[in-house]
């Protein structure tokens, strides 16, 4: 049988992580919509390999 205290701590950890990710997503979307954040700045994320 699982320990109730350990399961409660794991649930609290997952809940806090979920809340943090949701809040950061909301901040990124809000900044992007207000024009403060530019996700398309013209820089490539990954450069393709050149042929040898």
PDB file of N, CA and C in Angstrom:
ATOM      1  N   UNK A   1       0.851  -1.182   0.000  1.00  0.00           N
ATOM      2  CA  UNK A   1       0.000   0.000   0.000  1.00  0.00           C
ATOM      3  C   UNK A   1       0.894   1.242   0.000  1.00  0.00           C
ATOM      4  N   UNK A   2       0.525   2.227  -0.773  1.00  0.00           N
ATOM      5  CA  UNK A   2       1.321   3.443  -0.889  1.00  0.00           C
ATOM      6  C   UNK A   2       1.110   4.331   0.334  1.00  0.00           C
ATOM      7  N   UNK A   3       2.145   5.075   0.664  1.00  0.00           N
ATOM      8  CA  UNK A   3       2.093   5.995   1.790  1.00  0.00           C
ATOM      9  C   UNK A   3       1.287   7.238   1.381  1.00  0.00           C
ATOM     10  N   UNK A   4       0.289   7.594   2.178  1.00  0.00           N
ATOM     11  CA  UNK A   4      -0.571   8.740   1.826  1.00  0.00           C
ATOM     12  C   UNK A   4       0.201  10.053   1.822  1.00  0.00           C
ATOM     13  N   UNK A   5       1.144  10.211   2.721  1.00  0.00           N
ATOM     14  CA  UNK A   5       1.920  11.460   2.765  1.00  0.00           C
ATOM     15  C   UNK A   5       2.777  11.611   1.502  1.00  0.00           C
ATOM     16  N   UNK A   6       3.384  10.511   1.066  1.00  0.00           N
ATOM     17  CA  UNK A   6       4.209  10.574  -0.140  1.00  0.00           C
ATOM     18  C   UNK A   6       3.346  10.881  -1.363  1.00  0.00           C
ATOM     19  N   UNK A   7       2.188  10.254  -1.455  1.00  0.00           N
ATOM     20  CA  UNK A   7       1.298  10.538  -2.588  1.00  0.00           C
ATOM     21  C   UNK A   7       0.804  11.982  -2.552  1.00  0.00           C
ATOM     22  N   UNK A   8       0.568  12.512  -1.368  1.00  0.00           N
ATOM     23  CA  UNK A   8       0.158  13.906  -1.248  1.00  0.00           C
ATOM     24  C   UNK A   8       1.253  14.852  -1.701  1.00  0.00           C
ATOM     25  N   UNK A   9       2.509  14.541  -1.357  1.00  0.00           N
ATOM     26  CA  UNK A   9       3.632  15.384  -1.774  1.00  0.00           C
ATOM     27  C   UNK A   9       3.826  15.317  -3.297  1.00  0.00           C
ATOM     28  N   UNK A  10       3.685  14.128  -3.861  1.00  0.00           N
ATOM     29  CA  UNK A  10       3.813  13.988  -5.315  1.00  0.00           C
ATOM     30  C   UNK A  10       2.689  14.755  -6.019  1.00  0.00           C
ATOM     31  N   UNK A  11       1.487  14.665  -5.506  1.00  0.00           N
ATOM     32  CA  UNK A  11       0.370  15.406  -6.080  1.00  0.00           C
ATOM     33  C   UNK A  11       0.580  16.907  -5.989  1.00  0.00           C
ATOM     34  N   UNK A  12       1.112  17.371  -4.864  1.00  0.00           N
ATOM     35  CA  UNK A  12       1.397  18.797  -4.695  1.00  0.00           C
ATOM     36  C   UNK A  12       2.478  19.248  -5.672  1.00  0.00           C
ATOM     37  N   UNK A  13       3.495  18.420  -5.858  1.00  0.00           N
ATOM     38  CA  UNK A  13       4.564  18.746  -6.798  1.00  0.00           C
ATOM     39  C   UNK A  13       4.028  18.837  -8.230  1.00  0.00           C
ATOM     40  N   UNK A  14       3.232  17.852  -8.648  1.00  0.00           N
ATOM     41  CA  UNK A  14       2.659  17.892  -9.990  1.00  0.00           C
ATOM     42  C   UNK A  14       1.699  19.067 -10.158  1.00  0.00           C
ATOM     43  N   UNK A  15       0.922  19.361  -9.138  1.00  0.00           N
ATOM     44  CA  UNK A  15       0.001  20.495  -9.206  1.00  0.00           C
ATOM     45  C   UNK A  15       0.735  21.821  -9.328  1.00  0.00           C
ATOM     46  N   UNK A  16       1.808  21.988  -8.551  1.00  0.00           N
ATOM     47  CA  UNK A  16       2.593  23.224  -8.607  1.00  0.00           C
ATOM     48  C   UNK A  16       3.280  23.368  -9.959  1.00  0.00           C
ATOM     49  N   UNK A  17       3.791  22.269 -10.492  1.00  0.00           N
ATOM     50  CA  UNK A  17       4.448  22.306 -11.804  1.00  0.00           C
ATOM     51  C   UNK A  17       3.450  22.663 -12.899  1.00  0.00           C
ATOM     52  N   UNK A  18       2.275  22.070 -12.827  1.00  0.00           N
ATOM     53  CA  UNK A  18       1.235  22.372 -13.812  1.00  0.00           C
ATOM     54  C   UNK A  18       0.826  23.836 -13.749  1.00  0.00           C
ATOM     55  N   UNK A  19       0.650  24.355 -12.559  1.00  0.00           N
ATOM     56  CA  UNK A  19       0.285  25.759 -12.394  1.00  0.00           C
ATOM     57  C   UNK A  19       1.369  26.686 -12.940  1.00  0.00           C
ATOM     58  N   UNK A  20       2.632  26.354 -12.668  1.00  0.00           N
ATOM     59  CA  UNK A  20       3.738  27.164 -13.157  1.00  0.00           C
ATOM     60  C   UNK A  20       3.774  27.186 -14.687  1.00  0.00           C
ATOM     61  N   UNK A  21       3.632  26.030 -15.322  1.00  0.00           N
ATOM     62  CA  UNK A  21       3.666  25.955 -16.788  1.00  0.00           C
ATOM     63  C   UNK A  21       2.493  26.716 -17.400  1.00  0.00           C
ATOM     64  N   UNK A  22       1.316  26.602 -16.801  1.00  0.00           N
ATOM     65  CA  UNK A  22       0.156  27.317 -17.322  1.00  0.00           C
ATOM     66  C   UNK A  22       0.329  28.829 -17.194  1.00  0.00           C
ATOM     67  N   UNK A  23       0.885  29.281 -16.075  1.00  0.00           N
ATOM     68  CA  UNK A  23       1.094  30.717 -15.887  1.00  0.00           C
ATOM     69  C   UNK A  23       2.142  31.257 -16.850  1.00  0.00           C
ATOM     70  N   UNK A  24       3.217  30.514 -17.071  1.00  0.00           N
ATOM     71  CA  UNK A  24       4.244  30.968 -18.015  1.00  0.00           C
ATOM     72  C   UNK A  24       3.686  31.000 -19.441  1.00  0.00           C
ATOM     73  N   UNK A  25       2.868  30.024 -19.798  1.00  0.00           N
ATOM     74  CA  UNK A  25       2.224  30.041 -21.105  1.00  0.00           C
ATOM     75  C   UNK A  25       1.317  31.245 -21.269  1.00  0.00           C
ATOM     76  N   UNK A  26       0.579  31.581 -20.230  1.00  0.00           N
ATOM     77  CA  UNK A  26      -0.306  32.747 -20.286  1.00  0.00           C
ATOM     78  C   UNK A  26       0.497  34.039 -20.429  1.00  0.00           C
ATOM     79  N   UNK A  27       1.632  34.138 -19.751  1.00  0.00           N
ATOM     80  CA  UNK A  27       2.474  35.337 -19.858  1.00  0.00           C
ATOM     81  C   UNK A  27       3.041  35.464 -21.265  1.00  0.00           C
ATOM     82  N   UNK A  28       3.518  34.361 -21.840  1.00  0.00           N
ATOM     83  CA  UNK A  28       4.078  34.402 -23.195  1.00  0.00           C
ATOM     84  C   UNK A  28       3.006  34.801 -24.207  1.00  0.00           C
ATOM     85  N   UNK A  29       1.823  34.228 -24.103  1.00  0.00           N
ATOM     86  CA  UNK A  29       0.752  34.555 -25.039  1.00  0.00           C
ATOM     87  C   UNK A  29       0.316  36.008 -24.865  1.00  0.00           C
ATOM     88  N   UNK A  30       0.180  36.475 -23.635  1.00  0.00           N
ATOM     89  CA  UNK A  30      -0.234  37.858 -23.398  1.00  0.00           C
ATOM     90  C   UNK A  30       0.798  38.850 -23.935  1.00  0.00           C
ATOM     91  N   UNK A  31       2.097  38.568 -23.718  1.00  0.00           N
ATOM     92  CA  UNK A  31       3.134  39.462 -24.235  1.00  0.00           C
ATOM     93  C   UNK A  31       3.181  39.435 -25.755  1.00  0.00           C
ATOM     94  N   UNK A  32       2.948  38.278 -26.334  1.00  0.00           N
ATOM     95  CA  UNK A  32       2.950  38.186 -27.800  1.00  0.00           C
ATOM     96  C   UNK A  32       1.763  38.963 -28.387  1.00  0.00           C
ATOM     97  N   UNK A  33       0.600  38.853 -27.774  1.00  0.00           N
ATOM     98  CA  UNK A  33      -0.575  39.550 -28.280  1.00  0.00           C
ATOM     99  C   UNK A  33      -0.470  41.062 -28.103  1.00  0.00           C
ATOM    100  N   UNK A  34       0.188  41.501 -27.037  1.00  0.00           N
ATOM    101  CA  UNK A  34       0.315  42.944 -26.809  1.00  0.00           C
ATOM    102  C   UNK A  34       1.434  43.568 -27.630  1.00  0.00           C
ATOM    103  N   UNK A  35       2.250  42.750 -28.287  1.00  0.00           N
ATOM    104  CA  UNK A  35       3.307  43.279 -29.138  1.00  0.00           C
ATOM    105  C   UNK A  35       4.638  43.422 -28.440  1.00  0.00           C
ATOM    106  N   UNK A  36       4.752  43.031 -27.185  1.00  0.00           N
ATOM    107  CA  UNK A  36       6.019  43.140 -26.465  1.00  0.00           C
ATOM    108  C   UNK A  36       6.994  42.035 -26.858  1.00  0.00           C
ATOM    109  N   UNK A  37       6.461  40.922 -27.288  1.00  0.00           N
ATOM    110  CA  UNK A  37       7.287  39.764 -27.603  1.00  0.00           C
ATOM    111  C   UNK A  37       7.168  39.459 -29.088  1.00  0.00           C
ATOM    112  N   UNK A  38       8.290  39.337 -29.750  1.00  0.00           N
ATOM    113  CA  UNK A  38       8.305  39.021 -31.173  1.00  0.00           C
ATOM    114  C   UNK A  38       8.924  37.646 -31.342  1.00  0.00           C
ATOM    115  N   UNK A  39       8.099  36.661 -31.635  1.00  0.00           N
ATOM    116  CA  UNK A  39       8.601  35.306 -31.802  1.00  0.00           C
ATOM    117  C   UNK A  39       9.215  35.098 -33.175  1.00  0.00           C
ATOM    118  N   UNK A  40       8.819  35.878 -34.148  1.00  0.00           N
ATOM    119  CA  UNK A  40       9.345  35.763 -35.506  1.00  0.00           C
ATOM    120  C   UNK A  40      10.347  36.888 -35.730  1.00  0.00           C
ATOM    121  N   UNK A  41      11.558  36.728 -35.211  1.00  0.00           N
ATOM    122  CA  UNK A  41      12.557  37.787 -35.334  1.00  0.00           C
ATOM    123  C   UNK A  41      13.523  37.561 -36.488  1.00  0.00           C
ATOM    124  N   UNK A  42      13.280  36.549 -37.303  1.00  0.00           N
ATOM    125  CA  UNK A  42      14.103  36.325 -38.468  1.00  0.00           C
ATOM    126  C   UNK A  42      15.301  35.430 -38.226  1.00  0.00           C
ATOM    127  N   UNK A  43      15.550  35.025 -36.994  1.00  0.00           N
ATOM    128  CA  UNK A  43      16.673  34.144 -36.720  1.00  0.00           C
ATOM    129  C   UNK A  43      16.233  32.691 -36.852  1.00  0.00           C
ATOM    130  N   UNK A  44      17.051  31.911 -37.499  1.00  0.00           N
ATOM    131  CA  UNK A  44      16.740  30.493 -37.643  1.00  0.00           C
ATOM    132  C   UNK A  44      17.093  29.766 -36.347  1.00  0.00           C
ATOM    133  N   UNK A  45      16.239  28.857 -35.940  1.00  0.00           N
ATOM    134  CA  UNK A  45      16.492  28.100 -34.723  1.00  0.00           C
ATOM    135  C   UNK A  45      17.582  27.064 -34.970  1.00  0.00           C
ATOM    136  N   UNK A  46      17.515  26.386 -36.081  1.00  0.00           N
ATOM    137  CA  UNK A  46      18.505  25.379 -36.414  1.00  0.00           C
ATOM    138  C   UNK A  46      18.986  25.612 -37.848  1.00  0.00           C
ATOM    139  N   UNK A  47      20.277  25.629 -38.026  1.00  0.00           N
ATOM    140  CA  UNK A  47      20.831  25.816 -39.358  1.00  0.00           C
ATOM    141  C   UNK A  47      20.925  24.463 -40.057  1.00  0.00           C
ATOM    142  N   UNK A  48      20.476  24.359 -41.287  1.00  0.00           N
ATOM    143  CA  UNK A  48      20.615  23.076 -41.995  1.00  0.00           C
ATOM    144  C   UNK A  48      22.086  22.793 -42.305  1.00  0.00           C
ATOM    145  N   UNK A  49      22.419  21.530 -42.320  1.00  0.00           N
ATOM    146  CA  UNK A  49      23.784  21.135 -42.641  1.00  0.00           C
ATOM    147  C   UNK A  49      24.042  21.344 -44.124  1.00  0.00           C
ATOM    148  N   UNK A  50      25.208  21.842 -44.421  1.00  0.00           N
ATOM    149  CA  UNK A  50      25.550  22.049 -45.832  1.00  0.00           C
ATOM    150  C   UNK A  50      26.031  20.726 -46.404  1.00  0.00           C
ATOM    151  N   UNK A  51      25.837  20.571 -47.698  1.00  0.00           N
ATOM    152  CA  UNK A  51      26.288  19.352 -48.365  1.00  0.00           C
ATOM    153  C   UNK A  51      27.795  19.388 -48.531  1.00  0.00           C
ATOM    154  N   UNK A  52      28.413  18.245 -48.335  1.00  0.00           N
ATOM    155  CA  UNK A  52      29.869  18.182 -48.461  1.00  0.00           C
ATOM    156  C   UNK A  52      30.278  17.634 -49.780  1.00  0.00           C
TER     157      UNK A  52
END
